């Protein structure tokens, strides 16, 4: 196991990239929709779909439920898999309104809320944790493909580690930090930013702020 602490990696990324102000959304409900729409697509495409929903004044659960599926599909075309995602949004909105919307859900403890989110068809662990962290401001560490790639290359991961094991490991390693929700938020966003510029599928190691500790560095 490398000697550099997980928190030191966070500080190095933060010093290099600065505050990320993520998740970009005007309301918690918009965050939750974005978490579903971003599955298997880029955030740029999600932004286009969100803009379509805003232009149609359809960025709320009741309006989406009243919208005919064939119209919703057209608004969601930028994200791909638009038929599947239209069904998932409708399904989520049915659940969301039945649960009493954000005000009631936000009163649940984190464990219970996570279980509720995971019970929704089309919401897996990463999507649920995106919602928990960015919409409900709960200290849950989100694991995505970028996180796996970065920490495998740094030498912290070996083999196929499960989502839950990896999430628990991060939260334990960062259990001492203050303002966990804020740190987890920034850390996840910084990892995404780092993957965008350096830790790509084909790594671009020149100028990488983590180059000195990376076992996979290409000179």
C-alpha atoms as a PDB file:
ATOM      1  CA  UNK A   1       0.000   0.000   0.000  1.00  0.00           C
ATOM      2  CA  UNK A   2       1.425   3.442  -0.922  1.00  0.00           C
ATOM      3  CA  UNK A   3       2.481   5.685   1.947  1.00  0.00           C
ATOM      4  CA  UNK A   4       0.714   8.855   0.761  1.00  0.00           C
ATOM      5  CA  UNK A   5      -2.545   9.322   2.644  1.00  0.00           C
ATOM      6  CA  UNK A   6      -5.877   9.538   0.841  1.00  0.00           C
ATOM      7  CA  UNK A   7      -6.393  12.970   2.368  1.00  0.00           C
ATOM      8  CA  UNK A   8      -3.023  14.187   1.082  1.00  0.00           C
ATOM      9  CA  UNK A   9      -4.056  13.166  -2.427  1.00  0.00           C
ATOM     10  CA  UNK A  10      -7.190  15.242  -1.969  1.00  0.00           C
ATOM     11  CA  UNK A  11      -5.122  18.238  -0.872  1.00  0.00           C
ATOM     12  CA  UNK A  12      -2.804  17.863  -3.859  1.00  0.00           C
ATOM     13  CA  UNK A  13      -5.740  17.770  -6.268  1.00  0.00           C
ATOM     14  CA  UNK A  14      -7.421  20.718  -4.563  1.00  0.00           C
ATOM     15  CA  UNK A  15      -4.238  22.784  -4.675  1.00  0.00           C
ATOM     16  CA  UNK A  16      -3.829  22.023  -8.372  1.00  0.00           C
ATOM     17  CA  UNK A  17      -7.416  22.474  -9.588  1.00  0.00           C
ATOM     18  CA  UNK A  18      -9.116  24.590  -6.928  1.00  0.00           C
ATOM     19  CA  UNK A  19     -12.758  24.522  -5.849  1.00  0.00           C
ATOM     20  CA  UNK A  20     -15.048  22.777  -8.345  1.00  0.00           C
ATOM     21  CA  UNK A  21     -18.517  23.984  -7.240  1.00  0.00           C
ATOM     22  CA  UNK A  22     -20.097  20.662  -8.150  1.00  0.00           C
ATOM     23  CA  UNK A  23     -22.951  19.535  -8.688  1.00  0.00           C
ATOM     24  CA  UNK A  24     -24.094  22.281 -11.115  1.00  0.00           C
ATOM     25  CA  UNK A  25     -27.854  22.514 -10.555  1.00  0.00           C
ATOM     26  CA  UNK A  26     -30.420  24.991  -9.277  1.00  0.00           C
ATOM     27  CA  UNK A  27     -32.443  22.574  -7.118  1.00  0.00           C
ATOM     28  CA  UNK A  28     -32.007  19.199  -5.401  1.00  0.00           C
ATOM     29  CA  UNK A  29     -34.562  17.708  -7.804  1.00  0.00           C
ATOM     30  CA  UNK A  30     -32.458  18.839 -10.765  1.00  0.00           C
ATOM     31  CA  UNK A  31     -29.463  17.099  -9.164  1.00  0.00           C
ATOM     32  CA  UNK A  32     -31.433  13.876  -8.906  1.00  0.00           C
ATOM     33  CA  UNK A  33     -32.571  14.020 -12.517  1.00  0.00           C
ATOM     34  CA  UNK A  34     -29.008  14.713 -13.602  1.00  0.00           C
ATOM     35  CA  UNK A  35     -27.772  11.704 -11.637  1.00  0.00           C
ATOM     36  CA  UNK A  36     -30.095   9.463 -13.655  1.00  0.00           C
ATOM     37  CA  UNK A  37     -29.420  11.125 -16.995  1.00  0.00           C
ATOM     38  CA  UNK A  38     -25.627  11.002 -16.652  1.00  0.00           C
ATOM     39  CA  UNK A  39     -25.595   7.202 -16.656  1.00  0.00           C
ATOM     40  CA  UNK A  40     -23.474   6.063 -19.631  1.00  0.00           C
ATOM     41  CA  UNK A  41     -23.097   9.526 -21.121  1.00  0.00           C
ATOM     42  CA  UNK A  42     -21.069  12.718 -20.747  1.00  0.00           C
ATOM     43  CA  UNK A  43     -22.112  15.624 -18.570  1.00  0.00           C
ATOM     44  CA  UNK A  44     -22.144  17.885 -21.630  1.00  0.00           C
ATOM     45  CA  UNK A  45     -24.987  15.809 -23.058  1.00  0.00           C
ATOM     46  CA  UNK A  46     -26.824  15.909 -19.734  1.00  0.00           C
ATOM     47  CA  UNK A  47     -26.638  19.711 -19.746  1.00  0.00           C
ATOM     48  CA  UNK A  48     -28.294  19.770 -23.188  1.00  0.00           C
ATOM     49  CA  UNK A  49     -31.142  17.560 -21.983  1.00  0.00           C
ATOM     50  CA  UNK A  50     -31.599  19.624 -18.817  1.00  0.00           C
ATOM     51  CA  UNK A  51     -31.772  22.779 -20.921  1.00  0.00           C
ATOM     52  CA  UNK A  52     -34.488  21.141 -23.018  1.00  0.00           C
ATOM     53  CA  UNK A  53     -36.474  20.380 -19.873  1.00  0.00           C
ATOM     54  CA  UNK A  54     -36.027  23.913 -18.586  1.00  0.00           C
ATOM     55  CA  UNK A  55     -37.074  25.429 -21.907  1.00  0.00           C
ATOM     56  CA  UNK A  56     -40.260  23.340 -21.732  1.00  0.00           C
ATOM     57  CA  UNK A  57     -40.850  24.337 -18.084  1.00  0.00           C
ATOM     58  CA  UNK A  58     -40.813  20.622 -17.286  1.00  0.00           C
ATOM     59  CA  UNK A  59     -38.189  20.446 -14.565  1.00  0.00           C
ATOM     60  CA  UNK A  60     -40.479  19.189 -11.806  1.00  0.00           C
ATOM     61  CA  UNK A  61     -41.855  15.773 -10.980  1.00  0.00           C
ATOM     62  CA  UNK A  62     -45.551  16.458 -11.574  1.00  0.00           C
ATOM     63  CA  UNK A  63     -44.969  18.054 -14.974  1.00  0.00           C
ATOM     64  CA  UNK A  64     -42.751  15.167 -16.063  1.00  0.00           C
ATOM     65  CA  UNK A  65     -45.420  12.683 -15.005  1.00  0.00           C
ATOM     66  CA  UNK A  66     -48.042  14.534 -17.086  1.00  0.00           C
ATOM     67  CA  UNK A  67     -45.757  14.692 -20.135  1.00  0.00           C
ATOM     68  CA  UNK A  68     -46.362  12.105 -22.827  1.00  0.00           C
ATOM     69  CA  UNK A  69     -43.446   9.709 -23.135  1.00  0.00           C
ATOM     70  CA  UNK A  70     -42.927  10.423 -26.840  1.00  0.00           C
ATOM     71  CA  UNK A  71     -42.416  14.126 -26.030  1.00  0.00           C
ATOM     72  CA  UNK A  72     -40.114  13.409 -23.094  1.00  0.00           C
ATOM     73  CA  UNK A  73     -38.010  11.153 -25.320  1.00  0.00           C
ATOM     74  CA  UNK A  74     -37.418  14.056 -27.708  1.00  0.00           C
ATOM     75  CA  UNK A  75     -36.191  16.288 -24.876  1.00  0.00           C
ATOM     76  CA  UNK A  76     -33.820  13.561 -23.696  1.00  0.00           C
ATOM     77  CA  UNK A  77     -32.276  12.705 -27.073  1.00  0.00           C
ATOM     78  CA  UNK A  78     -28.892  14.331 -26.250  1.00  0.00           C
ATOM     79  CA  UNK A  79     -28.177  11.789 -23.470  1.00  0.00           C
ATOM     80  CA  UNK A  80     -28.603   8.627 -25.544  1.00  0.00           C
ATOM     81  CA  UNK A  81     -30.602   5.583 -24.405  1.00  0.00           C
ATOM     82  CA  UNK A  82     -33.417   8.132 -24.324  1.00  0.00           C
ATOM     83  CA  UNK A  83     -36.240   5.594 -24.282  1.00  0.00           C
ATOM     84  CA  UNK A  84     -34.729   3.838 -21.283  1.00  0.00           C
ATOM     85  CA  UNK A  85     -33.976   7.097 -19.506  1.00  0.00           C
ATOM     86  CA  UNK A  86     -37.447   8.492 -20.156  1.00  0.00           C
ATOM     87  CA  UNK A  87     -38.890   5.396 -18.483  1.00  0.00           C
ATOM     88  CA  UNK A  88     -36.453   5.741 -15.589  1.00  0.00           C
ATOM     89  CA  UNK A  89     -37.306   9.409 -15.064  1.00  0.00           C
ATOM     90  CA  UNK A  90     -41.031   8.610 -15.075  1.00  0.00           C
ATOM     91  CA  UNK A  91     -40.461   5.751 -12.644  1.00  0.00           C
ATOM     92  CA  UNK A  92     -38.360   7.963 -10.370  1.00  0.00           C
ATOM     93  CA  UNK A  93     -40.968  10.742 -10.427  1.00  0.00           C
ATOM     94  CA  UNK A  94     -43.738   8.291  -9.469  1.00  0.00           C
ATOM     95  CA  UNK A  95     -41.648   7.161  -6.497  1.00  0.00           C
ATOM     96  CA  UNK A  96     -40.580  10.714  -5.599  1.00  0.00           C
ATOM     97  CA  UNK A  97     -44.103  12.126  -5.451  1.00  0.00           C
ATOM     98  CA  UNK A  98     -45.451   9.062  -3.619  1.00  0.00           C
ATOM     99  CA  UNK A  99     -42.777   9.536  -0.956  1.00  0.00           C
ATOM    100  CA  UNK A 100     -43.780  13.138  -0.282  1.00  0.00           C
ATOM    101  CA  UNK A 101     -40.989  14.710  -2.354  1.00  0.00           C
ATOM    102  CA  UNK A 102     -37.802  16.269  -1.005  1.00  0.00           C
ATOM    103  CA  UNK A 103     -39.101  17.644   2.289  1.00  0.00           C
ATOM    104  CA  UNK A 104     -40.229  14.266   3.573  1.00  0.00           C
ATOM    105  CA  UNK A 105     -37.281  12.311   2.137  1.00  0.00           C
ATOM    106  CA  UNK A 106     -34.758  14.703   3.678  1.00  0.00           C
ATOM    107  CA  UNK A 107     -36.039  13.790   7.140  1.00  0.00           C
ATOM    108  CA  UNK A 108     -34.899  10.164   6.723  1.00  0.00           C
ATOM    109  CA  UNK A 109     -31.556   9.089   8.131  1.00  0.00           C
ATOM    110  CA  UNK A 110     -28.867   8.428   5.545  1.00  0.00           C
ATOM    111  CA  UNK A 111     -28.969   4.622   5.749  1.00  0.00           C
ATOM    112  CA  UNK A 112     -32.747   4.480   5.351  1.00  0.00           C
ATOM    113  CA  UNK A 113     -32.725   7.036   2.541  1.00  0.00           C
ATOM    114  CA  UNK A 114     -30.036   5.115   0.691  1.00  0.00           C
ATOM    115  CA  UNK A 115     -32.043   1.895   0.948  1.00  0.00           C
ATOM    116  CA  UNK A 116     -35.109   3.716  -0.380  1.00  0.00           C
ATOM    117  CA  UNK A 117     -33.194   5.112  -3.349  1.00  0.00           C
ATOM    118  CA  UNK A 118     -31.693   1.720  -4.163  1.00  0.00           C
ATOM    119  CA  UNK A 119     -35.182   0.219  -4.263  1.00  0.00           C
ATOM    120  CA  UNK A 120     -36.003   2.284  -7.365  1.00  0.00           C
ATOM    121  CA  UNK A 121     -35.648   0.513 -10.697  1.00  0.00           C
ATOM    122  CA  UNK A 122     -32.759   2.143 -12.590  1.00  0.00           C
ATOM    123  CA  UNK A 123     -31.034   3.589  -9.508  1.00  0.00           C
ATOM    124  CA  UNK A 124     -27.837   1.740  -8.633  1.00  0.00           C
ATOM    125  CA  UNK A 125     -25.269   2.475  -5.905  1.00  0.00           C
ATOM    126  CA  UNK A 126     -23.401   5.223  -7.786  1.00  0.00           C
ATOM    127  CA  UNK A 127     -26.592   7.039  -8.797  1.00  0.00           C
ATOM    128  CA  UNK A 128     -28.018   6.739  -5.282  1.00  0.00           C
ATOM    129  CA  UNK A 129     -24.825   8.084  -3.745  1.00  0.00           C
ATOM    130  CA  UNK A 130     -24.738  10.975  -6.223  1.00  0.00           C
ATOM    131  CA  UNK A 131     -28.203  11.896  -4.995  1.00  0.00           C
ATOM    132  CA  UNK A 132     -27.272  11.467  -1.341  1.00  0.00           C
ATOM    133  CA  UNK A 133     -24.117  13.554  -1.565  1.00  0.00           C
ATOM    134  CA  UNK A 134     -25.165  16.325  -3.926  1.00  0.00           C
ATOM    135  CA  UNK A 135     -28.942  16.614  -3.447  1.00  0.00           C
ATOM    136  CA  UNK A 136     -29.299  15.647   0.230  1.00  0.00           C
ATOM    137  CA  UNK A 137     -25.839  16.772   1.388  1.00  0.00           C
ATOM    138  CA  UNK A 138     -25.054  13.513   3.178  1.00  0.00           C
ATOM    139  CA  UNK A 139     -21.413  12.453   3.779  1.00  0.00           C
ATOM    140  CA  UNK A 140     -21.362   9.514   1.359  1.00  0.00           C
ATOM    141  CA  UNK A 141     -18.349   8.945  -0.879  1.00  0.00           C
ATOM    142  CA  UNK A 142     -19.263   8.361  -4.542  1.00  0.00           C
ATOM    143  CA  UNK A 143     -17.306   5.706  -6.416  1.00  0.00           C
ATOM    144  CA  UNK A 144     -17.173   5.949 -10.187  1.00  0.00           C
ATOM    145  CA  UNK A 145     -15.002   4.633 -13.015  1.00  0.00           C
ATOM    146  CA  UNK A 146     -12.624   7.593 -12.690  1.00  0.00           C
ATOM    147  CA  UNK A 147     -12.034   6.856  -9.005  1.00  0.00           C
ATOM    148  CA  UNK A 148     -11.294   3.218  -9.752  1.00  0.00           C
ATOM    149  CA  UNK A 149      -8.900   4.104 -12.558  1.00  0.00           C
ATOM    150  CA  UNK A 150      -6.997   6.734 -10.575  1.00  0.00           C
ATOM    151  CA  UNK A 151      -6.519   4.718  -7.397  1.00  0.00           C
ATOM    152  CA  UNK A 152      -5.630   1.563  -9.300  1.00  0.00           C
ATOM    153  CA  UNK A 153      -2.882   3.471 -11.096  1.00  0.00           C
ATOM    154  CA  UNK A 154      -1.695   4.999  -7.833  1.00  0.00           C
ATOM    155  CA  UNK A 155      -1.372   1.477  -6.400  1.00  0.00           C
ATOM    156  CA  UNK A 156      -4.198   1.516  -3.840  1.00  0.00           C
ATOM    157  CA  UNK A 157      -6.418  -1.022  -5.612  1.00  0.00           C
ATOM    158  CA  UNK A 158      -5.703  -4.574  -6.651  1.00  0.00           C
ATOM    159  CA  UNK A 159      -8.205  -6.718  -8.492  1.00  0.00           C
ATOM    160  CA  UNK A 160     -11.926  -6.158  -8.780  1.00  0.00           C
ATOM    161  CA  UNK A 161     -13.014  -4.445  -5.551  1.00  0.00           C
ATOM    162  CA  UNK A 162     -16.783  -4.196  -5.028  1.00  0.00           C
ATOM    163  CA  UNK A 163     -18.510  -0.823  -4.989  1.00  0.00           C
ATOM    164  CA  UNK A 164     -19.535  -1.129  -1.342  1.00  0.00           C
ATOM    165  CA  UNK A 165     -16.093  -2.248  -0.185  1.00  0.00           C
ATOM    166  CA  UNK A 166     -14.452   0.651  -1.978  1.00  0.00           C
ATOM    167  CA  UNK A 167     -16.943   3.213  -0.675  1.00  0.00           C
ATOM    168  CA  UNK A 168     -16.512   1.952   2.882  1.00  0.00           C
ATOM    169  CA  UNK A 169     -12.716   2.063   2.499  1.00  0.00           C
ATOM    170  CA  UNK A 170     -12.740   5.700   1.396  1.00  0.00           C
ATOM    171  CA  UNK A 171     -15.122   6.754   4.145  1.00  0.00           C
ATOM    172  CA  UNK A 172     -12.980   5.002   6.762  1.00  0.00           C
ATOM    173  CA  UNK A 173      -9.773   6.593   5.453  1.00  0.00           C
ATOM    174  CA  UNK A 174     -11.427  10.015   5.623  1.00  0.00           C
ATOM    175  CA  UNK A 175     -13.276   9.481   8.893  1.00  0.00           C
ATOM    176  CA  UNK A 176     -11.036  11.999  10.699  1.00  0.00           C
ATOM    177  CA  UNK A 177     -11.771  14.972   8.442  1.00  0.00           C
ATOM    178  CA  UNK A 178     -14.101  17.789   9.413  1.00  0.00           C
ATOM    179  CA  UNK A 179     -16.929  18.853   7.103  1.00  0.00           C
ATOM    180  CA  UNK A 180     -17.076  15.392   5.510  1.00  0.00           C
ATOM    181  CA  UNK A 181     -19.899  16.272   3.146  1.00  0.00           C
ATOM    182  CA  UNK A 182     -17.946  19.219   1.762  1.00  0.00           C
ATOM    183  CA  UNK A 183     -14.713  17.210   1.435  1.00  0.00           C
ATOM    184  CA  UNK A 184     -16.453  14.224  -0.201  1.00  0.00           C
ATOM    185  CA  UNK A 185     -18.166  16.605  -2.609  1.00  0.00           C
ATOM    186  CA  UNK A 186     -14.932  18.314  -3.624  1.00  0.00           C
ATOM    187  CA  UNK A 187     -12.927  15.080  -3.727  1.00  0.00           C
ATOM    188  CA  UNK A 188     -15.284  13.382  -6.154  1.00  0.00           C
ATOM    189  CA  UNK A 189     -15.432  16.453  -8.397  1.00  0.00           C
ATOM    190  CA  UNK A 190     -11.633  16.806  -8.332  1.00  0.00           C
ATOM    191  CA  UNK A 191     -11.172  13.174  -9.356  1.00  0.00           C
ATOM    192  CA  UNK A 192     -13.497  13.751 -12.331  1.00  0.00           C
ATOM    193  CA  UNK A 193     -11.524  16.873 -13.273  1.00  0.00           C
ATOM    194  CA  UNK A 194      -8.218  15.019 -12.989  1.00  0.00           C
ATOM    195  CA  UNK A 195      -9.533  12.212 -15.202  1.00  0.00           C
ATOM    196  CA  UNK A 196     -10.562  14.797 -17.774  1.00  0.00           C
ATOM    197  CA  UNK A 197      -7.066  16.248 -18.120  1.00  0.00           C
ATOM    198  CA  UNK A 198      -4.589  13.569 -17.036  1.00  0.00           C
ATOM    199  CA  UNK A 199      -5.879  10.213 -15.812  1.00  0.00           C
ATOM    200  CA  UNK A 200      -7.623   9.352 -19.077  1.00  0.00           C
ATOM    201  CA  UNK A 201      -7.970   5.873 -20.526  1.00  0.00           C
ATOM    202  CA  UNK A 202      -4.715   6.706 -22.280  1.00  0.00           C
ATOM    203  CA  UNK A 203      -2.942   8.657 -19.529  1.00  0.00           C
ATOM    204  CA  UNK A 204      -1.519  12.122 -20.174  1.00  0.00           C
ATOM    205  CA  UNK A 205       1.146  12.146 -17.481  1.00  0.00           C
ATOM    206  CA  UNK A 206       2.956  15.387 -18.378  1.00  0.00           C
ATOM    207  CA  UNK A 207       2.110  17.997 -15.764  1.00  0.00           C
ATOM    208  CA  UNK A 208       0.196  15.562 -13.533  1.00  0.00           C
ATOM    209  CA  UNK A 209       0.177  16.804  -9.935  1.00  0.00           C
ATOM    210  CA  UNK A 210       0.219  13.179  -8.707  1.00  0.00           C
ATOM    211  CA  UNK A 211       2.982  12.032 -11.033  1.00  0.00           C
ATOM    212  CA  UNK A 212       5.587  11.624  -8.284  1.00  0.00           C
ATOM    213  CA  UNK A 213       3.506   9.009  -6.463  1.00  0.00           C
ATOM    214  CA  UNK A 214       1.871   7.265  -9.429  1.00  0.00           C
ATOM    215  CA  UNK A 215       2.985   3.689 -10.091  1.00  0.00           C
ATOM    216  CA  UNK A 216       1.613   3.826 -13.638  1.00  0.00           C
ATOM    217  CA  UNK A 217       3.332   7.057 -14.663  1.00  0.00           C
ATOM    218  CA  UNK A 218       4.561   7.148 -18.250  1.00  0.00           C
ATOM    219  CA  UNK A 219       7.600   9.391 -18.709  1.00  0.00           C
END
